[in-house]
């Protein structure tokens, strides 16, 4: 996947737009969780703290995080 670099102006505008965000809804599989269902596994199976660090930044900023999943309740309990 190609990455796009944001200019300083774009970053500033993006930060201003995101200040109003109160809730983030996110899926688990292949979004927060990498291979093997681990929040610390990157897609290439290397170790990564990015998903966990992102959640912490959201929570520290007062943004609520809602987990959305196609898994059933029992499957969610298994990984929690």
Protein backbone atom coordinates (compact mmCIF):
# COMPACT_ATOMS: atom_id res chain seq x y z
CA UNK A 1 0.00 0.00 0.00
CA UNK A 2 1.41 3.38 -0.99
CA UNK A 3 1.65 6.04 1.69
CA UNK A 4 0.77 9.65 1.11
CA UNK A 5 2.73 12.36 2.88
CA UNK A 6 0.70 15.27 4.16
CA UNK A 7 1.97 18.81 3.92
CA UNK A 8 2.07 20.98 7.04
CA UNK A 9 -1.04 22.81 5.83
CA UNK A 10 -2.93 19.54 5.31
CA UNK A 11 -1.92 18.28 8.77
CA UNK A 12 -3.12 21.49 10.36
CA UNK A 13 -6.47 21.35 8.54
CA UNK A 14 -6.88 17.67 9.40
CA UNK A 15 -6.20 18.30 13.10
CA UNK A 16 -8.79 21.09 13.10
CA UNK A 17 -11.38 18.81 11.50
CA UNK A 18 -10.68 15.96 13.91
CA UNK A 19 -11.02 18.11 17.03
CA UNK A 20 -14.78 17.61 16.89
CA UNK A 21 -14.59 13.82 16.86
CA UNK A 22 -16.24 12.33 19.96
CA UNK A 23 -16.50 8.64 18.99
CA UNK A 24 -14.48 6.28 16.78
CA UNK A 25 -16.07 3.03 15.61
CA UNK A 26 -13.59 0.37 14.54
CA UNK A 27 -13.62 -3.23 13.42
CA UNK A 28 -11.33 -5.82 14.99
CA UNK A 29 -10.08 -8.29 12.38
CA UNK A 30 -7.46 -6.87 10.01
CA UNK A 31 -8.07 -3.41 11.45
CA UNK A 32 -6.98 -3.46 15.09
CA UNK A 33 -5.98 -7.10 15.22
CA UNK A 34 -3.23 -8.55 13.07
CA UNK A 35 -2.37 -12.17 12.31
CA UNK A 36 -3.43 -14.58 15.03
CA UNK A 37 -5.83 -12.02 16.45
CA UNK A 38 -3.12 -10.01 18.23
CA UNK A 39 -3.26 -6.24 18.65
CA UNK A 40 0.56 -6.29 18.61
CA UNK A 41 0.98 -8.17 15.30
CA UNK A 42 1.46 -6.15 12.12
CA UNK A 43 0.16 -7.53 8.81
CA UNK A 44 3.68 -8.79 8.01
CA UNK A 45 3.63 -10.62 11.40
CA UNK A 46 6.23 -8.29 12.91
CA UNK A 47 5.69 -6.69 16.33
CA UNK A 48 3.90 -3.33 16.35
CA UNK A 49 2.51 -1.13 19.09
CA UNK A 50 0.76 1.22 16.63
CA UNK A 51 -2.81 -0.11 17.10
CA UNK A 52 -2.55 -0.10 20.90
CA UNK A 53 -0.85 3.31 20.92
CA UNK A 54 -3.57 4.71 18.66
CA UNK A 55 -6.27 3.48 21.04
CA UNK A 56 -4.45 5.06 23.97
CA UNK A 57 -4.14 8.41 22.17
CA UNK A 58 -7.86 8.38 21.41
CA UNK A 59 -8.81 7.56 25.00
CA UNK A 60 -6.38 10.15 26.41
CA UNK A 61 -7.96 12.73 24.09
CA UNK A 62 -11.41 11.97 25.48
CA UNK A 63 -12.59 10.13 22.37
CA UNK A 64 -14.81 7.11 23.00
CA UNK A 65 -13.86 3.93 21.13
CA UNK A 66 -16.59 1.51 20.07
CA UNK A 67 -15.57 -1.93 18.82
CA UNK A 68 -17.67 -3.23 15.93
CA UNK A 69 -17.31 -6.83 14.82
CA UNK A 70 -18.83 -9.55 12.70
CA UNK A 71 -17.94 -11.99 15.47
CA UNK A 72 -20.62 -13.27 17.82
CA UNK A 73 -20.60 -12.54 21.56
CA UNK A 74 -18.87 -15.82 22.48
CA UNK A 75 -16.10 -15.25 19.94
CA UNK A 76 -15.55 -11.74 21.31
CA UNK A 77 -15.29 -13.07 24.85
CA UNK A 78 -12.63 -15.55 23.71
CA UNK A 79 -10.32 -12.76 22.56
CA UNK A 80 -11.02 -10.29 25.35
